[in-house]
Amino acid sequence: MRSGMFWKRILWWLGGTILMALIQTSWPESLKLQDTAPDLVLVLVVFYAMRDGKEKAMFTGLVGGLYQDIAVDTVLGHHVLCYVCVGYLAGILSLRLVTEHPIVKAGLVFLAGLLHTALFCLIQYLQEPARGILTPWLVMGIPASSYSALLSPLLFIAAGRRDEDQSVAVRPRFRKGAER
């Protein structure tokens, strides 16, 4: 791959990640459907976990989470930790799944959303035990994960448009040393 093409892909990835974090933090009311907003950065984290592996998913979580931590004035690292953990686990899990079917993609986004919200609520509970842990997870996690999973095919198509071959299918990856 040429050096110019490499930097072009990096800039598209970085710009897309920051754009999704910007939309999610700047216009949350316009995204809401009955007081539930999707997690656009989480969908990107899962997309890159399935397409490029856990490392790129973790970097996507780092960039998107850092932007959200700064923008919404939470403890620095709260979103980052949750997204990086989800990116790592989604990358590991996507190696073992046939990830070309849309239901599998949406299901992985749903599970990642539940895990992200569980980690987020656990960290908040450790900081303020009076908040509780189960009620916020049920009230925030299940609706937001469902909404994110419903939007995931559209965001996967939009994110997949920047490939060289213009395809939207997530290509299966093989471990080093494994037969193809």
C-alpha atoms as a PDB file:
ATOM      1  CA  MET A   1       0.000   0.000   0.000  1.00  0.00           C
ATOM      2  CA  ARG A   2       1.292   3.439  -0.871  1.00  0.00           C
ATOM      3  CA  SER A   3       2.141   5.819   1.931  1.00  0.00           C
ATOM      4  CA  GLY A   4      -0.384   8.415   0.753  1.00  0.00           C
ATOM      5  CA  MET A   5      -3.185   5.848   0.783  1.00  0.00           C
ATOM      6  CA  PHE A   6      -2.234   4.797   4.317  1.00  0.00           C
ATOM      7  CA  TRP A   7      -2.464   8.357   5.649  1.00  0.00           C
ATOM      8  CA  LYS A   8      -5.697   8.941   3.771  1.00  0.00           C
ATOM      9  CA  ARG A   9      -7.286   5.917   5.487  1.00  0.00           C
ATOM     10  CA  ILE A  10      -5.963   7.047   8.871  1.00  0.00           C
ATOM     11  CA  LEU A  11      -7.412  10.531   8.384  1.00  0.00           C
ATOM     12  CA  TRP A  12     -10.801   9.128   7.303  1.00  0.00           C
ATOM     13  CA  TRP A  13     -10.841   6.847  10.357  1.00  0.00           C
ATOM     14  CA  LEU A  14      -9.870   9.649  12.744  1.00  0.00           C
ATOM     15  CA  GLY A  15     -12.303  12.114  11.191  1.00  0.00           C
ATOM     16  CA  GLY A  16     -15.168   9.594  11.257  1.00  0.00           C
ATOM     17  CA  THR A  17     -14.539   8.706  14.879  1.00  0.00           C
ATOM     18  CA  ILE A  18     -14.386  12.332  15.981  1.00  0.00           C
ATOM     19  CA  LEU A  19     -17.480  13.146  13.900  1.00  0.00           C
ATOM     20  CA  MET A  20     -19.519  10.367  15.565  1.00  0.00           C
ATOM     21  CA  ALA A  21     -18.361  11.494  19.021  1.00  0.00           C
ATOM     22  CA  LEU A  22     -19.166  15.094  18.109  1.00  0.00           C
ATOM     23  CA  ILE A  23     -22.674  14.193  16.922  1.00  0.00           C
ATOM     24  CA  GLN A  24     -23.282  12.075  20.006  1.00  0.00           C
ATOM     25  CA  THR A  25     -22.192  14.775  22.456  1.00  0.00           C
ATOM     26  CA  SER A  26     -23.341  17.925  20.649  1.00  0.00           C
ATOM     27  CA  TRP A  27     -26.786  16.926  19.406  1.00  0.00           C
ATOM     28  CA  PRO A  28     -28.019  14.207  21.767  1.00  0.00           C
ATOM     29  CA  GLU A  29     -31.571  15.547  21.780  1.00  0.00           C
ATOM     30  CA  SER A  30     -31.888  15.207  18.005  1.00  0.00           C
ATOM     31  CA  LEU A  31     -30.854  11.542  18.197  1.00  0.00           C
ATOM     32  CA  LYS A  32     -33.217  10.603  21.021  1.00  0.00           C
ATOM     33  CA  LEU A  33     -36.210   8.387  20.503  1.00  0.00           C
ATOM     34  CA  GLN A  34     -38.402   8.366  23.635  1.00  0.00           C
ATOM     35  CA  ASP A  35     -35.540   9.483  25.905  1.00  0.00           C
ATOM     36  CA  THR A  36     -33.122   6.902  24.472  1.00  0.00           C
ATOM     37  CA  ALA A  37     -30.071   7.880  22.459  1.00  0.00           C
ATOM     38  CA  PRO A  38     -27.883   5.511  20.440  1.00  0.00           C
ATOM     39  CA  ASP A  39     -24.185   5.125  21.135  1.00  0.00           C
ATOM     40  CA  LEU A  40     -22.620   6.007  17.791  1.00  0.00           C
ATOM     41  CA  VAL A  41     -19.033   5.613  18.970  1.00  0.00           C
ATOM     42  CA  LEU A  42     -19.821   2.130  20.231  1.00  0.00           C
ATOM     43  CA  VAL A  43     -21.139   1.152  16.801  1.00  0.00           C
ATOM     44  CA  LEU A  44     -17.880   2.371  15.247  1.00  0.00           C
ATOM     45  CA  VAL A  45     -15.856   0.461  17.826  1.00  0.00           C
ATOM     46  CA  VAL A  46     -17.694  -2.756  16.949  1.00  0.00           C
ATOM     47  CA  PHE A  47     -17.404  -2.033  13.208  1.00  0.00           C
ATOM     48  CA  TYR A  48     -13.627  -1.671  13.408  1.00  0.00           C
ATOM     49  CA  ALA A  49     -13.388  -4.680  15.712  1.00  0.00           C
ATOM     50  CA  MET A  50     -15.049  -6.827  13.067  1.00  0.00           C
ATOM     51  CA  ARG A  51     -13.304  -5.312  10.062  1.00  0.00           C
ATOM     52  CA  ASP A  52      -9.771  -4.546  11.246  1.00  0.00           C
ATOM     53  CA  GLY A  53      -9.347  -6.293  14.578  1.00  0.00           C
ATOM     54  CA  LYS A  54      -9.119  -5.468  18.235  1.00  0.00           C
ATOM     55  CA  GLU A  55      -6.232  -2.985  17.954  1.00  0.00           C
ATOM     56  CA  LYS A  56      -8.071  -0.568  15.677  1.00  0.00           C
ATOM     57  CA  ALA A  57     -11.243  -1.009  17.729  1.00  0.00           C
ATOM     58  CA  MET A  58      -9.335  -0.130  20.881  1.00  0.00           C
ATOM     59  CA  PHE A  59      -7.825   2.964  19.219  1.00  0.00           C
ATOM     60  CA  THR A  60     -11.302   3.963  18.039  1.00  0.00           C
ATOM     61  CA  GLY A  61     -12.539   3.594  21.616  1.00  0.00           C
ATOM     62  CA  LEU A  62      -9.606   5.647  22.852  1.00  0.00           C
ATOM     63  CA  VAL A  63     -10.251   8.546  20.460  1.00  0.00           C
ATOM     64  CA  GLY A  64     -14.046   8.525  20.796  1.00  0.00           C
ATOM     65  CA  GLY A  65     -13.966   7.995  24.552  1.00  0.00           C
ATOM     66  CA  LEU A  66     -11.398  10.724  25.124  1.00  0.00           C
ATOM     67  CA  TYR A  67     -13.497  13.180  23.142  1.00  0.00           C
ATOM     68  CA  GLN A  68     -16.604  12.227  25.130  1.00  0.00           C
ATOM     69  CA  ASP A  69     -14.803  12.457  28.474  1.00  0.00           C
ATOM     70  CA  ILE A  70     -13.685  15.980  27.651  1.00  0.00           C
ATOM     71  CA  ALA A  71     -16.961  17.099  26.058  1.00  0.00           C
ATOM     72  CA  VAL A  72     -19.413  15.867  28.704  1.00  0.00           C
ATOM     73  CA  ASP A  73     -17.188  16.687  31.678  1.00  0.00           C
ATOM     74  CA  THR A  74     -16.895  13.230  33.227  1.00  0.00           C
ATOM     75  CA  VAL A  75     -13.912  11.774  34.981  1.00  0.00           C
ATOM     76  CA  LEU A  76     -11.131  11.556  32.399  1.00  0.00           C
ATOM     77  CA  GLY A  77     -10.830   7.961  31.291  1.00  0.00           C
ATOM     78  CA  HIS A  78     -14.351   6.817  32.190  1.00  0.00           C
ATOM     79  CA  HIS A  79     -15.585   6.469  28.597  1.00  0.00           C
ATOM     80  CA  VAL A  80     -12.118   5.508  27.366  1.00  0.00           C
ATOM     81  CA  LEU A  81     -11.875   2.505  29.674  1.00  0.00           C
ATOM     82  CA  CYS A  82     -15.348   1.273  28.765  1.00  0.00           C
ATOM     83  CA  TYR A  83     -14.834   1.625  24.997  1.00  0.00           C
ATOM     84  CA  VAL A  84     -11.353   0.099  25.014  1.00  0.00           C
ATOM     85  CA  CYS A  85     -12.533  -2.941  26.981  1.00  0.00           C
ATOM     86  CA  VAL A  86     -15.522  -3.384  24.670  1.00  0.00           C
ATOM     87  CA  GLY A  87     -13.309  -2.979  21.594  1.00  0.00           C
ATOM     88  CA  TYR A  88     -10.910  -5.626  22.832  1.00  0.00           C
ATOM     89  CA  LEU A  89     -13.657  -8.129  23.629  1.00  0.00           C
ATOM     90  CA  ALA A  90     -15.544  -7.437  20.381  1.00  0.00           C
ATOM     91  CA  GLY A  91     -12.329  -7.951  18.422  1.00  0.00           C
ATOM     92  CA  ILE A  92     -11.673 -11.267  20.143  1.00  0.00           C
ATOM     93  CA  LEU A  93     -15.272 -12.405  19.679  1.00  0.00           C
ATOM     94  CA  SER A  94     -15.458 -11.343  16.033  1.00  0.00           C
ATOM     95  CA  LEU A  95     -12.632 -13.748  15.197  1.00  0.00           C
ATOM     96  CA  ARG A  96     -14.908 -16.615  16.160  1.00  0.00           C
ATOM     97  CA  LEU A  97     -18.098 -15.428  14.468  1.00  0.00           C
ATOM     98  CA  VAL A  98     -19.288 -15.355  10.893  1.00  0.00           C
ATOM     99  CA  THR A  99     -19.638 -11.598  10.864  1.00  0.00           C
ATOM    100  CA  GLU A 100     -21.031 -11.073   7.378  1.00  0.00           C
ATOM    101  CA  HIS A 101     -24.676 -11.506   8.355  1.00  0.00           C
ATOM    102  CA  PRO A 102     -26.448  -8.278   9.443  1.00  0.00           C
ATOM    103  CA  ILE A 103     -28.140  -9.966  12.406  1.00  0.00           C
ATOM    104  CA  VAL A 104     -24.773 -11.078  13.770  1.00  0.00           C
ATOM    105  CA  LYS A 105     -23.469  -7.527  13.410  1.00  0.00           C
ATOM    106  CA  ALA A 106     -26.499  -6.052  15.165  1.00  0.00           C
ATOM    107  CA  GLY A 107     -26.341  -8.732  17.865  1.00  0.00           C
ATOM    108  CA  LEU A 108     -22.693  -7.977  18.523  1.00  0.00           C
ATOM    109  CA  VAL A 109     -23.507  -4.257  18.787  1.00  0.00           C
ATOM    110  CA  PHE A 110     -26.321  -5.084  21.229  1.00  0.00           C
ATOM    111  CA  LEU A 111     -24.045  -7.240  23.427  1.00  0.00           C
ATOM    112  CA  ALA A 112     -21.289  -4.622  23.260  1.00  0.00           C
ATOM    113  CA  GLY A 113     -23.798  -1.969  24.321  1.00  0.00           C
ATOM    114  CA  LEU A 114     -24.895  -4.020  27.310  1.00  0.00           C
ATOM    115  CA  LEU A 115     -21.277  -4.603  28.331  1.00  0.00           C
ATOM    116  CA  HIS A 116     -20.388  -0.931  27.845  1.00  0.00           C
ATOM    117  CA  THR A 117     -23.300   0.200  29.989  1.00  0.00           C
ATOM    118  CA  ALA A 118     -22.498  -2.398  32.654  1.00  0.00           C
ATOM    119  CA  LEU A 119     -18.900  -1.157  32.884  1.00  0.00           C
ATOM    120  CA  PHE A 120     -20.039   2.457  32.866  1.00  0.00           C
ATOM    121  CA  CYS A 121     -22.583   1.854  35.659  1.00  0.00           C
ATOM    122  CA  LEU A 122     -20.049  -0.153  37.675  1.00  0.00           C
ATOM    123  CA  ILE A 123     -17.554   2.710  37.564  1.00  0.00           C
ATOM    124  CA  GLN A 124     -20.270   5.203  38.535  1.00  0.00           C
ATOM    125  CA  TYR A 125     -21.350   2.912  41.376  1.00  0.00           C
ATOM    126  CA  LEU A 126     -17.793   2.733  42.685  1.00  0.00           C
ATOM    127  CA  GLN A 127     -17.612   6.534  42.637  1.00  0.00           C
ATOM    128  CA  GLU A 128     -21.091   7.119  44.114  1.00  0.00           C
ATOM    129  CA  PRO A 129     -22.605   3.996  45.751  1.00  0.00           C
ATOM    130  CA  ALA A 130     -25.907   5.778  46.443  1.00  0.00           C
ATOM    131  CA  ARG A 131     -26.724   5.689  42.711  1.00  0.00           C
ATOM    132  CA  GLY A 132     -27.150   1.946  42.621  1.00  0.00           C
ATOM    133  CA  ILE A 133     -25.942  -0.347  39.875  1.00  0.00           C
ATOM    134  CA  LEU A 134     -28.766  -2.492  38.564  1.00  0.00           C
ATOM    135  CA  THR A 135     -31.472   0.124  37.994  1.00  0.00           C
ATOM    136  CA  PRO A 136     -29.299   2.503  35.916  1.00  0.00           C
ATOM    137  CA  TRP A 137     -28.043  -0.445  33.863  1.00  0.00           C
ATOM    138  CA  LEU A 138     -31.582  -1.642  33.126  1.00  0.00           C
ATOM    139  CA  VAL A 139     -32.936   1.852  32.475  1.00  0.00           C
ATOM    140  CA  MET A 140     -30.015   3.028  30.308  1.00  0.00           C
ATOM    141  CA  GLY A 141     -28.432  -0.129  28.959  1.00  0.00           C
ATOM    142  CA  ILE A 142     -31.148  -2.178  27.343  1.00  0.00           C
ATOM    143  CA  PRO A 143     -32.931   0.641  25.441  1.00  0.00           C
ATOM    144  CA  ALA A 144     -29.695   2.318  24.303  1.00  0.00           C
ATOM    145  CA  SER A 145     -28.192  -1.006  23.233  1.00  0.00           C
ATOM    146  CA  SER A 146     -31.310  -1.878  21.275  1.00  0.00           C
ATOM    147  CA  TYR A 147     -31.394   1.503  19.569  1.00  0.00           C
ATOM    148  CA  SER A 148     -27.681   1.277  18.716  1.00  0.00           C
ATOM    149  CA  ALA A 149     -28.180  -2.215  17.298  1.00  0.00           C
ATOM    150  CA  LEU A 150     -31.055  -0.988  15.116  1.00  0.00           C
ATOM    151  CA  LEU A 151     -28.921   1.851  13.730  1.00  0.00           C
ATOM    152  CA  SER A 152     -25.823  -0.305  13.261  1.00  0.00           C
ATOM    153  CA  PRO A 153     -26.563  -1.475   9.674  1.00  0.00           C
ATOM    154  CA  LEU A 154     -26.834   2.135   8.492  1.00  0.00           C
ATOM    155  CA  LEU A 155     -23.642   3.181  10.239  1.00  0.00           C
ATOM    156  CA  PHE A 156     -21.817   0.064   9.019  1.00  0.00           C
ATOM    157  CA  ILE A 157     -22.767   0.958   5.434  1.00  0.00           C
ATOM    158  CA  ALA A 158     -21.625   4.555   5.900  1.00  0.00           C
ATOM    159  CA  ALA A 159     -18.337   3.527   7.543  1.00  0.00           C
ATOM    160  CA  GLY A 160     -17.696   0.800   4.973  1.00  0.00           C
ATOM    161  CA  ARG A 161     -17.972   3.212   2.045  1.00  0.00           C
ATOM    162  CA  ARG A 162     -14.407   4.437   2.576  1.00  0.00           C
ATOM    163  CA  ASP A 163     -12.825   1.089   1.647  1.00  0.00           C
ATOM    164  CA  GLU A 164     -10.719   0.862  -1.483  1.00  0.00           C
ATOM    165  CA  ASP A 165     -13.088  -1.666  -3.037  1.00  0.00           C
ATOM    166  CA  GLN A 166     -16.225   0.249  -1.914  1.00  0.00           C
ATOM    167  CA  SER A 167     -17.686  -2.875  -0.308  1.00  0.00           C
ATOM    168  CA  VAL A 168     -19.615  -2.903   2.932  1.00  0.00           C
ATOM    169  CA  ALA A 169     -19.054  -6.533   3.851  1.00  0.00           C
ATOM    170  CA  VAL A 170     -16.849  -7.196   6.821  1.00  0.00           C
ATOM    171  CA  ARG A 171     -14.061  -9.482   5.740  1.00  0.00           C
ATOM    172  CA  PRO A 172     -13.179 -12.415   7.979  1.00  0.00           C
ATOM    173  CA  ARG A 173      -9.694 -12.326   9.422  1.00  0.00           C
ATOM    174  CA  PHE A 174      -7.472 -15.289  10.049  1.00  0.00           C
ATOM    175  CA  ARG A 175      -4.985 -15.723  12.809  1.00  0.00           C
ATOM    176  CA  LYS A 176      -1.332 -15.818  11.842  1.00  0.00           C
ATOM    177  CA  GLY A 177      -0.272 -19.338  10.951  1.00  0.00           C
ATOM    178  CA  ALA A 178      -3.827 -20.539  10.354  1.00  0.00           C
ATOM    179  CA  GLU A 179      -4.785 -22.024   7.020  1.00  0.00           C
ATOM    180  CA  ARG A 180      -6.981 -19.999   4.725  1.00  0.00           C
END
